[in-house]
N, C-alpha and C. Protein backbone atom coordinates (compact mmCIF):
# COMPACT_ATOMS: atom_id res chain seq x y z
N MET A 1 -69.58 24.10 75.84
CA MET A 1 -69.19 22.72 76.12
C MET A 1 -69.87 21.76 75.28
N ARG A 2 -71.20 21.93 75.01
CA ARG A 2 -71.98 21.04 74.11
C ARG A 2 -71.39 21.16 72.74
N GLU A 3 -71.05 22.27 72.20
CA GLU A 3 -70.47 22.54 70.81
C GLU A 3 -69.18 21.87 70.77
N GLN A 4 -68.34 21.89 71.82
CA GLN A 4 -67.05 21.35 71.78
C GLN A 4 -67.15 19.71 71.70
N ARG A 5 -68.13 19.13 72.43
CA ARG A 5 -68.42 17.73 72.35
C ARG A 5 -68.77 17.27 71.03
N LYS A 6 -69.65 18.03 70.33
CA LYS A 6 -70.16 17.73 68.96
C LYS A 6 -69.02 17.80 68.06
N LYS A 7 -68.13 18.67 68.08
CA LYS A 7 -66.89 18.71 67.25
C LYS A 7 -66.04 17.66 67.43
N THR A 8 -65.84 17.04 68.58
CA THR A 8 -65.13 15.94 68.98
C THR A 8 -65.69 14.71 68.36
N ILE A 9 -66.93 14.46 68.46
CA ILE A 9 -67.61 13.26 67.92
C ILE A 9 -67.49 13.31 66.47
N VAL A 10 -67.85 14.42 65.85
CA VAL A 10 -67.60 14.62 64.41
C VAL A 10 -66.28 14.22 63.86
N ARG A 11 -65.17 14.77 64.51
CA ARG A 11 -63.76 14.55 64.22
C ARG A 11 -63.51 13.03 64.40
N GLU A 12 -63.99 12.39 65.38
CA GLU A 12 -63.69 10.94 65.59
C GLU A 12 -64.35 10.18 64.41
N TRP A 13 -65.53 10.59 64.07
CA TRP A 13 -66.16 9.74 62.86
C TRP A 13 -65.42 10.11 61.67
N VAL A 14 -64.99 11.31 61.34
CA VAL A 14 -64.20 11.51 60.09
C VAL A 14 -62.85 10.82 60.09
N GLU A 15 -62.21 10.78 61.20
CA GLU A 15 -60.99 10.08 61.30
C GLU A 15 -61.18 8.62 61.16
N SER A 16 -62.16 7.89 61.77
CA SER A 16 -62.56 6.62 61.54
C SER A 16 -62.78 6.27 60.16
N ILE A 17 -63.53 7.10 59.44
CA ILE A 17 -63.95 6.77 58.00
C ILE A 17 -62.63 6.98 57.21
N ILE A 18 -61.78 7.90 57.37
CA ILE A 18 -60.55 8.09 56.68
C ILE A 18 -59.65 6.80 56.83
N ILE A 19 -59.49 6.51 58.07
CA ILE A 19 -58.66 5.36 58.37
C ILE A 19 -59.23 4.02 57.69
N ALA A 20 -60.49 3.77 57.80
CA ALA A 20 -61.16 2.65 57.05
C ALA A 20 -60.89 2.60 55.59
N LEU A 21 -61.14 3.81 54.94
CA LEU A 21 -60.91 3.99 53.42
C LEU A 21 -59.42 3.71 53.11
N ILE A 22 -58.53 4.22 53.80
CA ILE A 22 -57.10 3.92 53.55
C ILE A 22 -56.75 2.46 53.74
N LEU A 23 -57.26 1.84 54.78
CA LEU A 23 -56.98 0.42 55.00
C LEU A 23 -57.66 -0.39 53.92
N ALA A 24 -58.88 -0.02 53.47
CA ALA A 24 -59.54 -0.89 52.38
C ALA A 24 -58.80 -0.69 51.14
N SER A 25 -58.32 0.49 50.92
CA SER A 25 -57.52 0.77 49.73
C SER A 25 -56.12 -0.08 49.70
N VAL A 26 -55.51 -0.13 50.83
CA VAL A 26 -54.22 -0.90 50.94
C VAL A 26 -54.57 -2.45 50.67
N ILE A 27 -55.70 -2.89 51.39
CA ILE A 27 -55.88 -4.30 51.20
C ILE A 27 -56.36 -4.72 49.80
N ARG A 28 -57.11 -3.75 49.06
CA ARG A 28 -57.48 -4.08 47.64
C ARG A 28 -56.43 -4.06 46.80
N THR A 29 -55.38 -3.17 47.01
CA THR A 29 -54.29 -2.87 46.06
C THR A 29 -53.17 -4.10 46.35
N PHE A 30 -52.96 -4.58 47.48
CA PHE A 30 -51.85 -5.41 47.79
C PHE A 30 -52.25 -6.75 48.31
N VAL A 31 -53.45 -7.03 48.63
CA VAL A 31 -53.80 -8.35 49.30
C VAL A 31 -54.87 -9.09 48.49
N ILE A 32 -56.00 -8.56 48.49
CA ILE A 32 -57.09 -9.35 48.01
C ILE A 32 -58.10 -8.30 47.31
N GLN A 33 -58.69 -8.77 46.09
CA GLN A 33 -59.69 -7.91 45.42
C GLN A 33 -60.82 -8.74 44.83
N ALA A 34 -61.96 -8.18 44.92
CA ALA A 34 -63.16 -8.92 44.44
C ALA A 34 -63.22 -8.59 42.76
N PHE A 35 -63.71 -9.62 41.99
CA PHE A 35 -63.95 -9.46 40.66
C PHE A 35 -65.23 -10.13 40.24
N LYS A 36 -65.88 -9.59 39.35
CA LYS A 36 -67.25 -10.19 38.87
C LYS A 36 -66.98 -10.96 37.57
N ILE A 37 -67.54 -12.22 37.38
CA ILE A 37 -67.23 -12.94 36.14
C ILE A 37 -68.34 -12.52 35.12
N PRO A 38 -67.86 -11.95 34.00
CA PRO A 38 -68.83 -11.33 32.99
C PRO A 38 -69.31 -12.34 31.95
N THR A 39 -68.53 -13.38 31.68
CA THR A 39 -68.83 -14.38 30.53
C THR A 39 -68.83 -15.73 30.99
N GLY A 40 -69.21 -16.56 30.15
CA GLY A 40 -69.17 -18.01 30.30
C GLY A 40 -67.89 -18.73 29.86
N SER A 41 -66.90 -17.94 29.68
CA SER A 41 -65.57 -18.63 29.23
C SER A 41 -64.94 -19.69 30.18
N MET A 42 -65.32 -19.62 31.44
CA MET A 42 -64.82 -20.50 32.36
C MET A 42 -65.74 -21.42 33.03
N ARG A 43 -66.85 -21.67 32.32
CA ARG A 43 -67.83 -22.71 32.74
C ARG A 43 -67.17 -24.09 32.72
N PRO A 44 -67.44 -24.91 33.62
CA PRO A 44 -68.38 -24.85 34.69
C PRO A 44 -67.71 -24.37 35.95
N THR A 45 -66.42 -24.09 35.91
CA THR A 45 -65.72 -23.65 37.12
C THR A 45 -66.36 -22.34 37.65
N LEU A 46 -66.43 -21.39 36.78
CA LEU A 46 -66.97 -20.12 37.14
C LEU A 46 -68.19 -19.72 36.21
N LEU A 47 -69.24 -19.29 36.73
CA LEU A 47 -70.53 -18.83 35.97
C LEU A 47 -70.62 -17.41 35.90
N GLU A 48 -71.24 -16.95 34.84
CA GLU A 48 -71.69 -15.56 34.76
C GLU A 48 -72.29 -14.93 36.01
N GLY A 49 -71.75 -13.83 36.42
CA GLY A 49 -72.35 -13.26 37.71
C GLY A 49 -71.71 -13.63 38.90
N ASP A 50 -70.85 -14.81 38.97
CA ASP A 50 -70.11 -15.10 40.24
C ASP A 50 -69.21 -14.01 40.61
N ILE A 51 -69.20 -13.79 41.90
CA ILE A 51 -68.15 -12.80 42.36
C ILE A 51 -66.96 -13.55 43.09
N ILE A 52 -65.90 -13.25 42.77
CA ILE A 52 -64.82 -14.13 43.31
C ILE A 52 -63.85 -13.23 44.19
N LEU A 53 -63.03 -13.74 44.99
CA LEU A 53 -61.86 -12.99 45.55
C LEU A 53 -60.54 -13.49 44.96
N VAL A 54 -59.71 -12.56 44.61
CA VAL A 54 -58.49 -12.87 44.01
C VAL A 54 -57.31 -12.43 45.05
N ASN A 55 -56.34 -13.39 45.25
CA ASN A 55 -55.31 -13.25 46.01
C ASN A 55 -54.16 -12.56 45.24
N LYS A 56 -53.86 -11.28 45.46
CA LYS A 56 -52.95 -10.48 44.71
C LYS A 56 -51.53 -10.61 45.42
N PHE A 57 -51.49 -11.00 46.71
CA PHE A 57 -50.18 -11.09 47.42
C PHE A 57 -49.34 -12.27 47.10
N LEU A 58 -50.12 -13.39 46.70
CA LEU A 58 -49.48 -14.57 46.38
C LEU A 58 -48.41 -14.53 45.36
N TYR A 59 -48.65 -13.87 44.22
CA TYR A 59 -47.73 -13.84 43.16
C TYR A 59 -46.86 -12.53 43.20
N GLY A 60 -46.93 -11.70 44.21
CA GLY A 60 -46.30 -10.39 44.24
C GLY A 60 -47.18 -9.30 43.69
N ALA A 61 -47.81 -8.62 44.53
CA ALA A 61 -48.80 -7.59 44.03
C ALA A 61 -47.97 -6.46 43.45
N LYS A 62 -48.64 -5.86 42.45
CA LYS A 62 -47.98 -4.69 41.69
C LYS A 62 -48.18 -3.52 42.67
N ILE A 63 -47.02 -2.68 42.56
CA ILE A 63 -46.99 -1.42 43.35
C ILE A 63 -47.49 -0.28 42.37
N PRO A 64 -48.58 0.38 42.68
CA PRO A 64 -49.12 1.38 41.85
C PRO A 64 -48.14 2.45 41.40
N PHE A 65 -48.29 2.76 40.11
CA PHE A 65 -47.50 4.01 39.53
C PHE A 65 -46.05 3.66 39.34
N THR A 66 -45.68 2.22 39.54
CA THR A 66 -44.29 1.97 39.34
C THR A 66 -44.33 0.52 38.54
N GLY A 67 -43.22 0.18 38.15
CA GLY A 67 -43.13 -1.08 37.40
C GLY A 67 -42.80 -2.14 38.42
N LEU A 68 -42.72 -1.90 39.66
CA LEU A 68 -42.32 -2.85 40.65
C LEU A 68 -43.33 -3.61 41.23
N ARG A 69 -42.96 -4.79 41.83
CA ARG A 69 -43.90 -5.74 42.48
C ARG A 69 -43.35 -6.12 43.87
N LEU A 70 -44.23 -6.38 44.75
CA LEU A 70 -43.91 -7.03 46.09
C LEU A 70 -43.15 -8.38 45.83
N PRO A 71 -42.41 -8.94 46.81
CA PRO A 71 -41.84 -10.33 46.55
C PRO A 71 -42.97 -11.26 46.51
N LYS A 72 -42.75 -12.32 45.66
CA LYS A 72 -43.82 -13.44 45.58
C LYS A 72 -43.73 -14.32 46.77
N VAL A 73 -44.93 -14.90 47.22
CA VAL A 73 -44.99 -15.93 48.13
C VAL A 73 -44.59 -17.24 47.39
N ARG A 74 -45.12 -17.36 46.15
CA ARG A 74 -44.70 -18.57 45.42
C ARG A 74 -44.97 -18.29 43.91
N GLN A 75 -44.50 -19.14 42.97
CA GLN A 75 -44.58 -18.98 41.58
C GLN A 75 -46.02 -19.38 41.22
N PRO A 76 -46.52 -19.01 40.09
CA PRO A 76 -47.83 -19.53 39.66
C PRO A 76 -47.66 -21.12 39.26
N VAL A 77 -48.63 -21.83 39.45
CA VAL A 77 -48.69 -23.41 39.20
C VAL A 77 -49.56 -23.75 38.07
N ARG A 78 -49.12 -24.71 37.24
CA ARG A 78 -50.02 -25.26 36.18
C ARG A 78 -51.39 -25.53 36.77
N GLY A 79 -52.47 -24.89 36.15
CA GLY A 79 -53.74 -25.28 36.66
C GLY A 79 -54.34 -24.13 37.47
N ASP A 80 -53.57 -23.24 38.00
CA ASP A 80 -54.07 -22.01 38.73
C ASP A 80 -55.15 -21.30 37.89
N VAL A 81 -56.10 -20.84 38.39
CA VAL A 81 -57.06 -19.91 37.75
C VAL A 81 -56.57 -18.58 38.14
N ILE A 82 -56.09 -17.77 37.05
CA ILE A 82 -55.37 -16.52 37.35
C ILE A 82 -56.23 -15.26 36.68
N VAL A 83 -56.17 -14.19 37.28
CA VAL A 83 -56.62 -12.98 36.74
C VAL A 83 -55.50 -12.21 36.18
N PHE A 84 -55.72 -11.54 35.06
CA PHE A 84 -54.54 -10.94 34.40
C PHE A 84 -55.14 -9.65 33.59
N ILE A 85 -54.12 -8.86 33.38
CA ILE A 85 -54.61 -7.65 32.36
C ILE A 85 -54.53 -8.15 30.94
N TYR A 86 -55.58 -8.09 30.28
CA TYR A 86 -55.75 -8.51 28.87
C TYR A 86 -54.65 -7.83 28.05
N PRO A 87 -53.73 -8.73 27.36
CA PRO A 87 -52.65 -8.10 26.65
C PRO A 87 -53.07 -7.17 25.42
N GLU A 88 -54.14 -7.36 24.96
CA GLU A 88 -54.66 -6.58 23.71
C GLU A 88 -55.43 -5.26 24.20
N ASN A 89 -55.87 -5.25 25.50
CA ASN A 89 -56.46 -3.95 25.98
C ASN A 89 -56.26 -3.94 27.47
N PRO A 90 -55.39 -3.09 27.81
CA PRO A 90 -54.86 -2.95 29.20
C PRO A 90 -56.05 -2.47 30.11
N LYS A 91 -57.14 -2.11 29.66
CA LYS A 91 -58.35 -1.54 30.47
C LYS A 91 -59.17 -2.66 30.95
N LYS A 92 -58.90 -3.88 30.44
CA LYS A 92 -59.73 -5.09 30.76
C LYS A 92 -59.13 -6.16 31.55
N ASP A 93 -59.69 -6.78 32.46
CA ASP A 93 -59.08 -7.94 33.17
C ASP A 93 -59.78 -9.20 32.66
N PHE A 94 -58.88 -10.16 32.44
CA PHE A 94 -59.37 -11.45 32.09
C PHE A 94 -59.09 -12.58 33.12
N ILE A 95 -59.84 -13.79 33.04
CA ILE A 95 -59.67 -14.91 34.00
C ILE A 95 -59.65 -16.04 33.16
N LYS A 96 -58.58 -16.74 33.31
CA LYS A 96 -58.36 -18.06 32.71
C LYS A 96 -57.50 -19.13 33.49
N ARG A 97 -57.33 -20.29 33.01
CA ARG A 97 -56.53 -21.26 33.66
C ARG A 97 -55.15 -21.25 33.11
N LEU A 98 -54.12 -21.35 33.93
CA LEU A 98 -52.83 -21.34 33.39
C LEU A 98 -52.46 -22.79 32.89
N ILE A 99 -51.90 -22.81 31.73
CA ILE A 99 -51.70 -24.02 31.00
C ILE A 99 -50.14 -24.41 30.86
N ALA A 100 -49.41 -23.37 30.42
CA ALA A 100 -47.99 -23.60 30.09
C ALA A 100 -47.14 -22.41 30.46
N PHE A 101 -45.88 -22.87 30.78
CA PHE A 101 -44.90 -21.77 31.36
C PHE A 101 -43.96 -21.47 30.20
N PRO A 102 -43.03 -20.42 30.44
CA PRO A 102 -42.07 -20.04 29.53
C PRO A 102 -41.15 -21.22 29.07
N GLY A 103 -40.90 -21.26 27.90
CA GLY A 103 -40.01 -22.34 27.34
C GLY A 103 -40.78 -23.62 26.92
N GLU A 104 -41.98 -23.85 27.45
CA GLU A 104 -42.75 -25.07 27.17
C GLU A 104 -43.35 -25.12 25.80
N ILE A 105 -43.57 -26.26 25.14
CA ILE A 105 -44.14 -26.37 23.78
C ILE A 105 -45.62 -26.83 24.11
N VAL A 106 -46.63 -26.10 23.63
CA VAL A 106 -47.95 -26.46 23.74
C VAL A 106 -48.60 -26.91 22.43
N GLU A 107 -49.40 -27.96 22.47
CA GLU A 107 -50.19 -28.29 21.21
C GLU A 107 -51.41 -28.90 21.73
N ILE A 108 -52.48 -28.64 20.90
CA ILE A 108 -53.77 -29.21 21.29
C ILE A 108 -54.11 -30.27 20.11
N LYS A 109 -54.22 -31.47 20.56
CA LYS A 109 -54.52 -32.64 19.53
C LYS A 109 -55.73 -33.38 20.02
N ASP A 110 -56.74 -33.56 19.13
CA ASP A 110 -57.91 -34.47 19.44
C ASP A 110 -58.52 -33.97 20.78
N GLY A 111 -58.54 -32.69 21.12
CA GLY A 111 -59.27 -32.19 22.28
C GLY A 111 -58.36 -32.30 23.55
N THR A 112 -57.18 -32.80 23.49
CA THR A 112 -56.20 -32.89 24.63
C THR A 112 -55.15 -31.88 24.47
N ILE A 113 -54.65 -31.39 25.70
CA ILE A 113 -53.60 -30.50 25.70
C ILE A 113 -52.28 -31.29 25.89
N TYR A 114 -51.27 -31.02 25.01
CA TYR A 114 -50.02 -31.61 25.08
C TYR A 114 -48.88 -30.63 25.61
N ILE A 115 -48.14 -30.85 26.50
CA ILE A 115 -46.98 -29.99 27.02
C ILE A 115 -45.74 -30.69 26.75
N ASN A 116 -44.85 -30.22 25.88
CA ASN A 116 -43.58 -30.87 25.64
C ASN A 116 -43.83 -32.35 25.16
N ASN A 117 -44.89 -32.44 24.28
CA ASN A 117 -45.29 -33.82 23.61
C ASN A 117 -45.88 -34.86 24.61
N LYS A 118 -46.25 -34.39 25.79
CA LYS A 118 -46.97 -35.30 26.78
C LYS A 118 -48.19 -34.73 26.99
N PRO A 119 -49.29 -35.59 27.09
CA PRO A 119 -50.64 -35.10 27.48
C PRO A 119 -50.79 -34.64 28.82
N LEU A 120 -51.57 -33.66 29.14
CA LEU A 120 -51.93 -33.23 30.49
C LEU A 120 -52.99 -34.25 30.93
N LEU A 121 -52.79 -35.06 31.76
CA LEU A 121 -53.76 -36.09 32.28
C LEU A 121 -54.41 -35.77 33.66
N GLU A 122 -54.07 -34.78 34.29
CA GLU A 122 -54.66 -34.33 35.57
C GLU A 122 -56.22 -34.08 35.27
N PRO A 123 -57.13 -34.41 36.09
CA PRO A 123 -58.56 -34.30 35.93
C PRO A 123 -58.96 -32.87 35.45
N MET A 124 -58.33 -31.87 36.01
CA MET A 124 -58.74 -30.49 35.63
C MET A 124 -58.44 -30.23 34.17
N PHE A 125 -57.64 -31.03 33.46
CA PHE A 125 -57.42 -30.78 32.08
C PHE A 125 -58.04 -31.99 31.26
N SER A 126 -57.94 -33.16 31.74
CA SER A 126 -58.34 -34.43 30.86
C SER A 126 -59.93 -34.46 30.89
N SER A 127 -60.61 -33.87 31.87
CA SER A 127 -62.06 -33.94 31.78
C SER A 127 -62.74 -32.89 30.83
N ARG A 128 -61.90 -32.15 30.17
CA ARG A 128 -62.49 -31.13 29.19
C ARG A 128 -61.94 -31.39 27.80
N TYR A 129 -62.68 -30.99 26.69
CA TYR A 129 -62.36 -31.17 25.44
C TYR A 129 -61.93 -29.71 25.08
N TYR A 130 -60.59 -29.59 24.56
CA TYR A 130 -60.09 -28.35 24.00
C TYR A 130 -60.15 -28.38 22.48
N TYR A 131 -60.84 -27.25 21.92
CA TYR A 131 -60.93 -27.13 20.55
C TYR A 131 -59.82 -26.45 19.91
N ASN A 132 -59.54 -26.97 18.68
CA ASN A 132 -58.43 -26.29 17.87
C ASN A 132 -59.12 -25.08 17.18
N ARG A 133 -58.72 -23.90 17.77
CA ARG A 133 -59.29 -22.63 17.28
C ARG A 133 -58.27 -21.46 17.43
N GLY A 134 -58.31 -20.51 16.53
CA GLY A 134 -57.43 -19.34 16.66
C GLY A 134 -56.11 -19.69 16.11
N GLN A 135 -55.38 -18.51 15.78
CA GLN A 135 -54.06 -18.69 15.11
C GLN A 135 -53.01 -19.32 15.96
N PHE A 136 -53.26 -19.50 17.32
CA PHE A 136 -52.24 -20.12 18.13
C PHE A 136 -52.74 -21.50 18.60
N GLY A 137 -53.92 -21.94 18.14
CA GLY A 137 -54.45 -23.25 18.61
C GLY A 137 -54.82 -24.19 17.49
N MET A 138 -54.29 -24.06 16.28
CA MET A 138 -54.66 -24.82 15.16
C MET A 138 -54.16 -26.18 15.24
N GLU A 139 -54.86 -27.11 14.65
CA GLU A 139 -54.53 -28.52 14.63
C GLU A 139 -53.15 -28.66 14.04
N GLY A 140 -52.26 -29.47 14.73
CA GLY A 140 -50.93 -29.68 14.28
C GLY A 140 -49.86 -28.76 14.55
N LEU A 141 -50.26 -27.50 15.19
CA LEU A 141 -49.43 -26.44 15.43
C LEU A 141 -48.85 -26.57 16.84
N SER A 142 -47.51 -26.70 17.00
CA SER A 142 -46.77 -26.68 18.28
C SER A 142 -46.31 -25.26 18.47
N ILE A 143 -46.54 -24.72 19.67
CA ILE A 143 -46.11 -23.32 19.98
C ILE A 143 -45.13 -23.35 21.17
N THR A 144 -44.09 -22.63 21.12
CA THR A 144 -43.22 -22.50 22.22
C THR A 144 -43.49 -21.17 22.94
N VAL A 145 -43.85 -21.32 24.28
CA VAL A 145 -44.19 -20.11 25.04
C VAL A 145 -42.92 -19.25 25.21
N PRO A 146 -42.92 -18.08 24.81
CA PRO A 146 -41.74 -17.17 25.02
C PRO A 146 -41.39 -16.92 26.48
N GLN A 147 -40.16 -16.63 26.79
CA GLN A 147 -39.62 -16.17 28.12
C GLN A 147 -40.40 -15.12 28.60
N GLY A 148 -40.88 -15.14 29.96
CA GLY A 148 -41.54 -14.03 30.50
C GLY A 148 -42.99 -14.01 30.29
N ASN A 149 -43.58 -15.16 29.62
CA ASN A 149 -44.92 -15.14 29.29
C ASN A 149 -45.51 -16.61 29.67
N TYR A 150 -46.86 -16.62 29.60
CA TYR A 150 -47.61 -17.93 29.90
C TYR A 150 -48.73 -18.10 28.87
N PHE A 151 -49.21 -19.34 28.70
CA PHE A 151 -50.28 -19.78 27.84
C PHE A 151 -51.37 -20.08 28.73
N VAL A 152 -52.62 -19.46 28.52
CA VAL A 152 -53.81 -19.71 29.37
C VAL A 152 -54.98 -20.06 28.48
N LEU A 153 -55.95 -20.83 29.08
CA LEU A 153 -57.11 -21.26 28.29
C LEU A 153 -58.23 -21.11 29.20
N GLY A 154 -59.50 -20.88 28.63
CA GLY A 154 -60.63 -20.95 29.38
C GLY A 154 -61.18 -22.35 29.49
N ASP A 155 -61.77 -22.66 30.66
CA ASP A 155 -62.25 -24.02 30.85
C ASP A 155 -63.44 -24.37 29.85
N ASN A 156 -64.15 -23.43 29.23
CA ASN A 156 -65.20 -23.57 28.31
C ASN A 156 -64.67 -23.35 26.91
N SER A 157 -63.75 -24.30 26.44
CA SER A 157 -63.01 -24.12 25.24
C SER A 157 -63.72 -23.70 24.08
N ALA A 158 -65.04 -24.13 23.91
CA ALA A 158 -65.88 -23.74 22.81
C ALA A 158 -66.31 -22.31 22.82
N SER A 159 -66.22 -21.70 24.02
CA SER A 159 -66.70 -20.26 24.03
C SER A 159 -65.71 -19.37 24.89
N SER A 160 -64.30 -19.48 24.43
CA SER A 160 -63.39 -18.70 25.21
C SER A 160 -62.47 -18.02 24.26
N GLN A 161 -62.26 -16.71 24.40
CA GLN A 161 -61.16 -15.95 23.75
C GLN A 161 -59.90 -16.11 24.68
N ASP A 162 -59.01 -16.89 24.33
CA ASP A 162 -57.86 -17.12 25.15
C ASP A 162 -56.47 -17.09 24.35
N SER A 163 -55.53 -17.66 24.96
CA SER A 163 -54.19 -17.75 24.26
C SER A 163 -54.32 -18.40 22.82
N ARG A 164 -55.26 -19.17 22.52
CA ARG A 164 -55.38 -19.72 21.28
C ARG A 164 -55.55 -18.61 20.19
N TYR A 165 -56.21 -17.51 20.58
CA TYR A 165 -56.57 -16.40 19.67
C TYR A 165 -55.51 -15.23 19.74
N TRP A 166 -55.17 -14.89 20.88
CA TRP A 166 -54.41 -13.54 20.99
C TRP A 166 -52.98 -13.85 21.49
N GLY A 167 -52.55 -15.02 21.78
CA GLY A 167 -51.15 -15.35 22.16
C GLY A 167 -50.99 -15.51 23.71
N PHE A 168 -49.99 -14.79 24.15
CA PHE A 168 -49.40 -15.09 25.50
C PHE A 168 -49.70 -13.98 26.41
N VAL A 169 -49.71 -14.37 27.81
CA VAL A 169 -50.02 -13.40 28.78
C VAL A 169 -48.51 -13.11 29.46
N PRO A 170 -48.17 -11.85 29.39
CA PRO A 170 -46.66 -11.47 29.89
C PRO A 170 -46.93 -11.57 31.47
N GLU A 171 -45.84 -12.11 32.00
CA GLU A 171 -45.78 -12.23 33.49
C GLU A 171 -46.11 -10.91 34.27
N LYS A 172 -45.80 -9.82 33.71
CA LYS A 172 -46.08 -8.55 34.38
C LYS A 172 -47.55 -8.24 34.41
N ASN A 173 -48.39 -8.87 33.58
CA ASN A 173 -49.85 -8.61 33.50
C ASN A 173 -50.60 -9.43 34.54
N ILE A 174 -49.97 -10.48 35.21
CA ILE A 174 -50.70 -11.35 36.08
C ILE A 174 -51.05 -10.43 37.31
N LEU A 175 -52.28 -10.49 37.72
CA LEU A 175 -52.76 -9.78 38.98
C LEU A 175 -52.86 -10.59 40.12
N GLY A 176 -53.33 -11.88 39.88
CA GLY A 176 -53.42 -12.77 41.18
C GLY A 176 -54.10 -14.10 40.80
N LYS A 177 -54.23 -14.80 41.94
CA LYS A 177 -54.86 -16.17 41.66
C LYS A 177 -56.35 -16.15 42.27
N ALA A 178 -57.20 -16.63 41.57
CA ALA A 178 -58.58 -16.71 41.97
C ALA A 178 -58.65 -17.77 43.07
N MET A 179 -59.26 -17.32 44.13
CA MET A 179 -59.27 -18.22 45.31
C MET A 179 -60.67 -18.83 45.68
N VAL A 180 -61.70 -17.89 45.68
CA VAL A 180 -62.94 -18.22 46.37
C VAL A 180 -64.14 -17.60 45.57
N ILE A 181 -65.11 -18.30 45.32
CA ILE A 181 -66.34 -17.74 44.85
C ILE A 181 -67.15 -17.33 46.23
N TYR A 182 -67.52 -16.14 46.32
CA TYR A 182 -68.22 -15.75 47.57
C TYR A 182 -69.69 -15.22 47.35
N TRP A 183 -70.02 -15.16 46.02
CA TRP A 183 -71.31 -14.72 45.68
C TRP A 183 -71.85 -15.33 44.35
N PRO A 184 -72.93 -15.81 44.16
CA PRO A 184 -74.04 -15.95 45.02
C PRO A 184 -73.73 -16.97 46.17
N LEU A 185 -74.56 -16.83 47.30
CA LEU A 185 -74.35 -17.72 48.44
C LEU A 185 -74.32 -19.11 48.11
N ARG A 186 -75.21 -19.54 47.19
CA ARG A 186 -75.41 -20.96 46.90
C ARG A 186 -74.15 -21.55 46.15
N ARG A 187 -73.30 -20.65 45.73
CA ARG A 187 -72.12 -21.13 45.04
C ARG A 187 -70.73 -20.81 45.78
N ILE A 188 -70.86 -20.67 46.98
CA ILE A 188 -69.68 -20.37 47.84
C ILE A 188 -68.83 -21.50 47.82
N ARG A 189 -67.51 -21.44 47.38
CA ARG A 189 -66.54 -22.56 47.34
C ARG A 189 -65.25 -21.98 47.08
N THR A 190 -64.16 -22.88 47.26
CA THR A 190 -62.72 -22.54 46.71
C THR A 190 -62.84 -22.96 45.28
N ILE A 191 -61.92 -22.22 44.64
CA ILE A 191 -61.87 -22.44 43.14
C ILE A 191 -60.61 -23.49 42.84
N GLN A 192 -61.00 -24.52 42.08
CA GLN A 192 -59.95 -25.59 41.91
C GLN A 192 -59.68 -25.52 40.37
């Protein structure tokens, strides 16, 4: 009788652990995932060592081992801080601010971003100086974002490898929207 009870308790624990692992895997794959910020390319918004939560469901989470995605809740919005698969190395994830959409013309003049010849005057853009660097960010160069792609920049323009250097982010590479800094405790906040 005692042996039977031990087997029942062990079985309940094993079942609970398996269910918890499956549930955690589903949540991480389709809903929300934690990422650690490795560099200062998004300063002052994100600092090295910040751990953030990324909403994967919002833009339609990727279904593993297929080229399919779940339906989107909404489209990305200019200014969203997004996590994506780095186009030049699919083993790396990058985080940058979304600047321009497919078909838009981007130019950086005198530290200001212009979209279709109009400056971005929202505070998240106008409060930063954007340097003319890289083959896609040279002074006097207007670039049209190809269909199915986005143009992204780091908030720390002086120290960011972004679309100015390597080009565009294919829509299929977008993993999700950065929502919250949850570690370290003194930096807990939503990401703007």
